[in-house]
Structure formats: structure tokens, C-alpha cells
Amino acid sequence: MPVTVRLTADRTALAVTLSDERPDLVAAVTALGLGTGRPVVAVVGGAAGLDDAPVDSLEAVFAGPVAAVIRRFGAIAVDGGTDTGVMGMLGRAQPAAPAFPLVGVAATRMVRGPGRGTGETLEPHHTHFVLVPGAAWGDEAAYLARVATLLAGPAPSVTILANGGEIAFDDCRFSLAEGRPVLVLAGTGRTADRIAAAAADPAGCRDERAVTLALSPLVRVVDATDLAATENRLRALLAA
């Protein structure tokens, strides 16, 4: 059963916590009350350490084309749920009254959630949370990818990668395994730029993980500083 979590003095969200013994993800997603069959935009990438990221430019991407496309398509957004990095940026792209459902998928023991007072703070603009079994960063990655798939159902979905560390490789891999395209925002640093470089020159790249992802027919790369191109590419992926 979902519980109401108070995020700030005037913001609450619905949260579902999966059991460690029998994590029923389908039941948890159903309990959110969002239904299925709506487009989904999943966001993965840099959290606390946005190394080498042009933060102001990245904020503009989320506040501009990403939020605009989510609203235009009546989509649901899914991310890691904490008040850090790209997740905080996506949350801040929401107006005072939420314009779209924003679902955070986080490992229970890594966040401050129902009955827990330690860990990272939940991002306050989220409308829903799925708290999944896990005691380390990255334990939520497979769950996040699956939640996006379950929410979308037959509707299109896309994963956006901005910046990112080692876990971002798993995030991309899990999304691809779900058959979901990944839009890599080049110029945002770290993992996103490694994959973008591999896409531009796979033969000359020695980063095997980046090359493997870059060669997937589901991976697309766009220059994050070109807001119009980013919006157009994202719209095309959701309209497919």
C-alpha cells in the first residue's frame, strides 16, 4: 500500500516500498495509481559528483526541452529520486504545481524515506516514489529501468543520459535490455561524453563499454548545448 511522505512543509508524495523478501514491482507500480500506456521519459546520470559538467547549461536542458517535451506528450518522468545532480535538476524543472508525474526509484537504505531518517534526501518536487531493496548506489538501476517500462506499457519511452559515473553504464545497459532507446547528451561530461566519443569514432575508442553501448541501434547522441536539436530528437523518439 502506498503511504504519504511529507517532503517539505507544503509538498507530499505517494511512496511504495518493496519487500526485500518478495519484491513485487508490478504491484508497486500499480499501487502508484498512474495507470499505464502513457509515454515515459527516464533520466539517468550524474548525481552528487557532476564532474566536468556545465551545470548551468545542463539546468537549461532540463528546464527547457526536457520539461517541455514531457508536458507536450503528457508523459511520466522517472529518475533516481534524490535531491542531487540531474535528479534535482529535473525536479526543479517542475513549476509550483507539478506539471507532470515525477517518479523517483531509489534503494531503500540509501535514502531518507518512510520509517528511515538516514541517507540522501528525497527530491521535493517528485510526486511518487518506489523504494526498492538495496543498500548501495546502483542497486536501484534495474528497478528504475523496469518501472519505466511498466508505466509506459505499449506507449513509447526513452532514457536520457546526462553526465554520469560508473553506475550510468548499468543504467544504459538496463534500459537497452528493456528495448528502450537511450538519448545521450554529449557535452555533459563523464559517461555521456565517453559514449558520445565512442559513437563518433568507435574504431579509435579503447573504452569497450562505451563502444558496446554506442554501437547499439537504440542509442542516439545529441549535443546538449543545442536546445532545439535536443528537443527535436526527444520528440522524435517519443513519437516513434
Protein backbone atom coordinates (compact mmCIF):
# COMPACT_ATOMS: atom_id res chain seq x y z
CA MET A 1 0.00 0.00 0.00
CA PRO A 2 1.29 3.48 -0.77
CA VAL A 3 1.98 5.90 2.07
CA THR A 4 2.07 9.67 2.01
CA VAL A 5 5.54 11.12 2.52
CA ARG A 6 5.97 14.74 3.56
CA LEU A 7 8.82 16.25 1.56
CA THR A 8 8.52 19.89 2.64
CA ALA A 9 6.05 21.94 4.64
CA ASP A 10 3.76 22.15 1.61
CA ARG A 11 4.73 19.16 -0.53
CA THR A 12 3.85 15.49 -0.19
CA ALA A 13 4.28 12.44 -2.40
CA LEU A 14 2.99 8.89 -2.54
CA ALA A 15 5.59 6.21 -1.82
CA VAL A 16 5.54 2.44 -2.21
CA THR A 17 8.22 0.31 -0.55
CA LEU A 18 9.06 -3.11 -1.96
CA SER A 19 9.62 -6.01 0.39
CA ASP A 20 13.13 -7.42 0.50
CA GLU A 21 11.72 -10.94 0.56
CA ARG A 22 9.19 -10.68 -2.28
CA PRO A 23 9.69 -7.52 -4.29
CA ASP A 24 6.53 -7.34 -6.44
CA LEU A 25 7.35 -4.50 -8.79
CA VAL A 26 4.18 -4.85 -10.86
CA ALA A 27 2.02 -4.46 -7.75
CA ALA A 28 4.11 -1.50 -6.57
CA VAL A 29 3.74 0.33 -9.89
CA THR A 30 0.02 -0.41 -9.96
CA ALA A 31 -0.32 0.99 -6.43
CA LEU A 32 1.04 4.35 -7.60
CA GLY A 33 -2.28 4.91 -9.35
CA LEU A 34 -0.74 6.34 -12.51
CA GLY A 35 -2.01 3.62 -14.81
CA THR A 36 -0.10 2.51 -17.89
CA GLY A 37 0.01 3.47 -21.51
CA ARG A 38 1.49 6.96 -21.14
CA PRO A 39 4.84 7.93 -22.67
CA VAL A 40 7.72 7.81 -20.21
CA VAL A 41 10.96 9.77 -20.04
CA ALA A 42 13.56 8.19 -17.75
CA VAL A 43 16.53 10.31 -16.69
CA VAL A 44 19.82 8.81 -15.51
CA GLY A 45 23.32 10.16 -14.99
CA GLY A 46 25.29 12.39 -12.69
CA ALA A 47 24.28 12.55 -9.03
CA ALA A 48 26.36 14.16 -6.29
CA GLY A 49 29.54 14.41 -8.35
CA LEU A 50 28.74 16.19 -11.58
CA ASP A 51 32.39 16.25 -12.51
CA ASP A 52 33.23 18.25 -15.64
CA ALA A 53 29.57 19.09 -16.21
CA PRO A 54 28.49 22.55 -17.39
CA VAL A 55 25.89 22.78 -14.65
CA ASP A 56 24.15 25.95 -15.83
CA SER A 57 23.80 24.58 -19.36
CA LEU A 58 22.53 21.28 -18.03
CA GLU A 59 19.93 23.04 -15.87
CA ALA A 60 18.74 24.78 -19.04
CA VAL A 61 18.31 21.45 -20.83
CA PHE A 62 16.02 20.10 -18.13
CA ALA A 63 14.10 23.32 -17.57
CA GLY A 64 13.74 23.82 -21.32
CA PRO A 65 13.45 20.99 -23.86
CA VAL A 66 13.16 18.05 -21.46
CA ALA A 67 10.34 19.53 -19.37
CA ALA A 68 8.64 20.92 -22.49
CA VAL A 69 8.54 17.54 -24.22
CA ILE A 70 7.33 15.74 -21.09
CA ARG A 71 4.45 18.21 -20.81
CA ARG A 72 3.67 18.15 -24.53
CA PHE A 73 3.34 14.37 -24.61
CA GLY A 74 1.57 14.08 -21.25
CA ALA A 75 4.45 11.85 -20.21
CA ILE A 76 5.57 10.46 -16.89
CA ALA A 77 9.15 11.17 -15.81
CA VAL A 78 11.20 8.59 -13.91
CA ASP A 79 14.57 9.07 -12.21
CA GLY A 80 16.58 8.14 -9.11
CA GLY A 81 14.55 10.31 -6.77
CA THR A 82 17.22 12.00 -4.66
CA ASP A 83 17.87 15.72 -4.36
CA THR A 84 21.19 15.56 -6.18
CA GLY A 85 22.59 16.10 -9.66
CA VAL A 86 20.36 15.56 -12.67
CA MET A 87 17.52 14.36 -10.44
CA GLY A 88 17.45 17.67 -8.63
CA MET A 89 17.56 19.47 -11.97
CA LEU A 90 14.58 17.52 -13.28
CA GLY A 91 12.70 18.20 -10.06
CA ARG A 92 13.38 21.92 -10.28
CA ALA A 93 12.01 21.89 -13.82
CA GLN A 94 8.58 21.39 -12.25
CA PRO A 95 6.52 24.54 -11.60
CA ALA A 96 4.99 25.22 -8.18
CA ALA A 97 2.08 22.96 -9.06
CA PRO A 98 3.50 19.76 -10.63
CA ALA A 99 3.03 19.74 -14.39
CA PHE A 100 3.75 16.04 -14.79
CA PRO A 101 4.10 12.92 -12.63
CA LEU A 102 7.70 12.55 -11.46
CA VAL A 103 8.52 9.11 -10.07
CA GLY A 104 11.70 8.52 -8.09
CA VAL A 105 13.09 4.98 -7.87
CA ALA A 106 15.63 4.68 -5.07
CA ALA A 107 17.28 2.00 -2.94
CA THR A 108 15.54 1.98 0.45
CA ARG A 109 18.66 2.04 2.60
CA MET A 110 20.23 4.88 0.64
CA VAL A 111 17.53 7.49 1.18
CA ARG A 112 15.52 9.13 3.90
CA GLY A 113 12.14 7.55 3.41
CA PRO A 114 9.15 6.18 5.32
CA GLY A 115 10.49 4.99 8.65
CA ARG A 116 14.08 5.90 7.82
CA GLY A 117 15.93 9.03 8.86
CA THR A 118 19.31 8.49 7.23
CA GLY A 119 20.63 8.63 3.70
CA GLU A 120 20.14 11.10 0.85
CA THR A 121 17.18 13.46 0.93
CA LEU A 122 14.29 12.72 -1.41
CA GLU A 123 13.87 15.42 -4.07
CA PRO A 124 10.87 17.56 -3.03
CA HIS A 125 9.25 18.10 -6.44
CA HIS A 126 8.62 14.40 -7.02
CA THR A 127 5.04 13.20 -6.94
CA HIS A 128 5.69 9.48 -6.40
CA PHE A 129 8.45 7.18 -5.16
CA VAL A 130 9.19 3.48 -5.49
CA LEU A 131 11.64 2.45 -2.77
CA VAL A 132 13.33 -0.79 -3.74
CA PRO A 133 15.60 -3.29 -1.96
CA GLY A 134 19.20 -2.14 -1.83
CA ALA A 135 21.97 -0.85 0.38
CA ALA A 136 24.34 0.63 -2.23
CA TRP A 137 24.18 3.13 -5.05
CA GLY A 138 23.27 1.31 -8.23
CA ASP A 139 21.07 -1.29 -6.57
CA GLU A 140 18.11 0.63 -7.95
CA ALA A 141 19.28 0.65 -11.57
CA ALA A 142 17.49 -2.45 -12.85
CA TYR A 143 14.34 -1.49 -10.95
CA LEU A 144 14.34 2.02 -12.43
CA ALA A 145 14.56 0.65 -15.95
CA ARG A 146 11.74 -1.79 -15.30
CA VAL A 147 9.49 0.80 -13.62
CA ALA A 148 9.76 2.97 -16.74
CA THR A 149 8.75 0.02 -18.91
CA LEU A 150 5.79 -0.94 -16.72
CA LEU A 151 4.48 2.62 -16.62
CA ALA A 152 4.77 3.04 -20.37
CA GLY A 153 3.17 -0.26 -21.30
CA PRO A 154 2.57 -0.04 -25.06
CA ALA A 155 3.42 3.68 -25.17
CA PRO A 156 6.85 4.95 -26.26
CA SER A 157 9.58 5.55 -23.70
CA VAL A 158 13.10 6.95 -23.81
CA THR A 159 16.02 7.18 -21.40
CA ILE A 160 18.09 10.36 -21.25
CA LEU A 161 21.71 10.08 -20.10
CA ALA A 162 23.36 13.25 -18.81
CA ASN A 163 26.88 13.07 -17.36
CA GLY A 164 27.05 10.02 -15.08
CA GLY A 165 29.61 7.85 -13.34
CA GLU A 166 30.17 4.11 -13.37
CA ILE A 167 26.55 3.30 -12.49
CA ALA A 168 25.41 5.13 -15.62
CA PHE A 169 26.81 2.32 -17.77
CA ASP A 170 24.47 -0.09 -15.97
CA ASP A 171 21.58 2.35 -16.30
CA CYS A 172 22.07 2.44 -20.06
CA ARG A 173 22.51 -1.31 -20.30
CA PHE A 174 19.31 -1.99 -18.37
CA SER A 175 17.34 0.47 -20.49
CA LEU A 176 18.60 -1.13 -23.69
CA ALA A 177 17.70 -4.56 -22.33
CA GLU A 178 14.14 -3.24 -21.92
CA GLY A 179 14.17 -2.24 -25.59
CA ARG A 180 14.16 1.45 -24.74
CA PRO A 181 16.18 3.99 -26.75
CA VAL A 182 18.84 5.99 -24.89
CA LEU A 183 19.45 9.63 -25.78
CA VAL A 184 22.99 10.59 -24.77
CA LEU A 185 23.52 14.28 -24.05
CA ALA A 186 27.00 14.99 -25.41
CA GLY A 187 28.94 17.76 -23.73
CA THR A 188 27.63 16.97 -20.24
CA GLY A 189 30.76 15.15 -19.09
CA ARG A 190 31.93 11.75 -17.92
CA THR A 191 29.99 8.70 -19.09
CA ALA A 192 27.79 10.60 -21.53
CA ASP A 193 30.84 12.07 -23.24
CA ARG A 194 32.64 8.72 -23.29
CA ILE A 195 29.72 7.14 -25.11
CA ALA A 196 29.40 10.13 -27.43
CA ALA A 197 33.10 9.88 -28.29
CA ALA A 198 32.74 6.16 -28.96
CA ALA A 199 29.78 6.82 -31.25
CA ALA A 200 31.81 9.36 -33.22
CA ASP A 201 34.85 7.09 -33.60
CA PRO A 202 34.20 3.51 -32.46
CA ALA A 203 37.32 2.17 -34.17
CA GLY A 204 39.56 4.62 -32.38
CA CYS A 205 37.97 4.25 -28.94
CA ARG A 206 39.57 1.93 -26.39
CA ASP A 207 36.68 2.14 -23.93
CA GLU A 208 34.97 -1.19 -24.62
CA ARG A 209 31.91 -0.50 -22.50
CA ALA A 210 31.35 2.85 -24.21
CA VAL A 211 31.80 1.31 -27.66
CA THR A 212 29.37 -1.52 -26.91
CA LEU A 213 26.69 0.95 -25.88
CA ALA A 214 27.45 3.40 -28.68
CA LEU A 215 27.05 0.70 -31.32
CA SER A 216 23.55 -0.21 -30.15
CA PRO A 217 20.94 0.81 -32.75
CA LEU A 218 18.88 2.17 -29.84
CA VAL A 219 21.50 4.74 -28.78
CA ARG A 220 21.26 8.30 -30.08
CA VAL A 221 23.65 11.19 -29.38
CA VAL A 222 22.78 14.88 -29.37
CA ASP A 223 24.76 17.99 -28.49
CA ALA A 224 23.24 19.17 -25.20
CA THR A 225 24.15 22.79 -25.94
CA ASP A 226 21.80 22.75 -28.94
CA LEU A 227 18.47 23.02 -27.14
CA ALA A 228 16.39 22.94 -30.32
CA ALA A 229 18.11 19.79 -31.57
CA THR A 230 17.73 18.16 -28.15
CA GLU A 231 14.00 18.90 -28.10
CA ASN A 232 13.51 17.70 -31.67
CA ARG A 233 15.38 14.46 -31.09
CA LEU A 234 13.48 13.76 -27.86
CA ARG A 235 10.14 14.50 -29.54
CA ALA A 236 11.01 12.18 -32.42
CA LEU A 237 11.86 9.32 -30.07
CA LEU A 238 8.58 9.67 -28.17
CA ALA A 239 6.57 9.98 -31.37
CA ALA A 240 8.03 6.77 -32.82
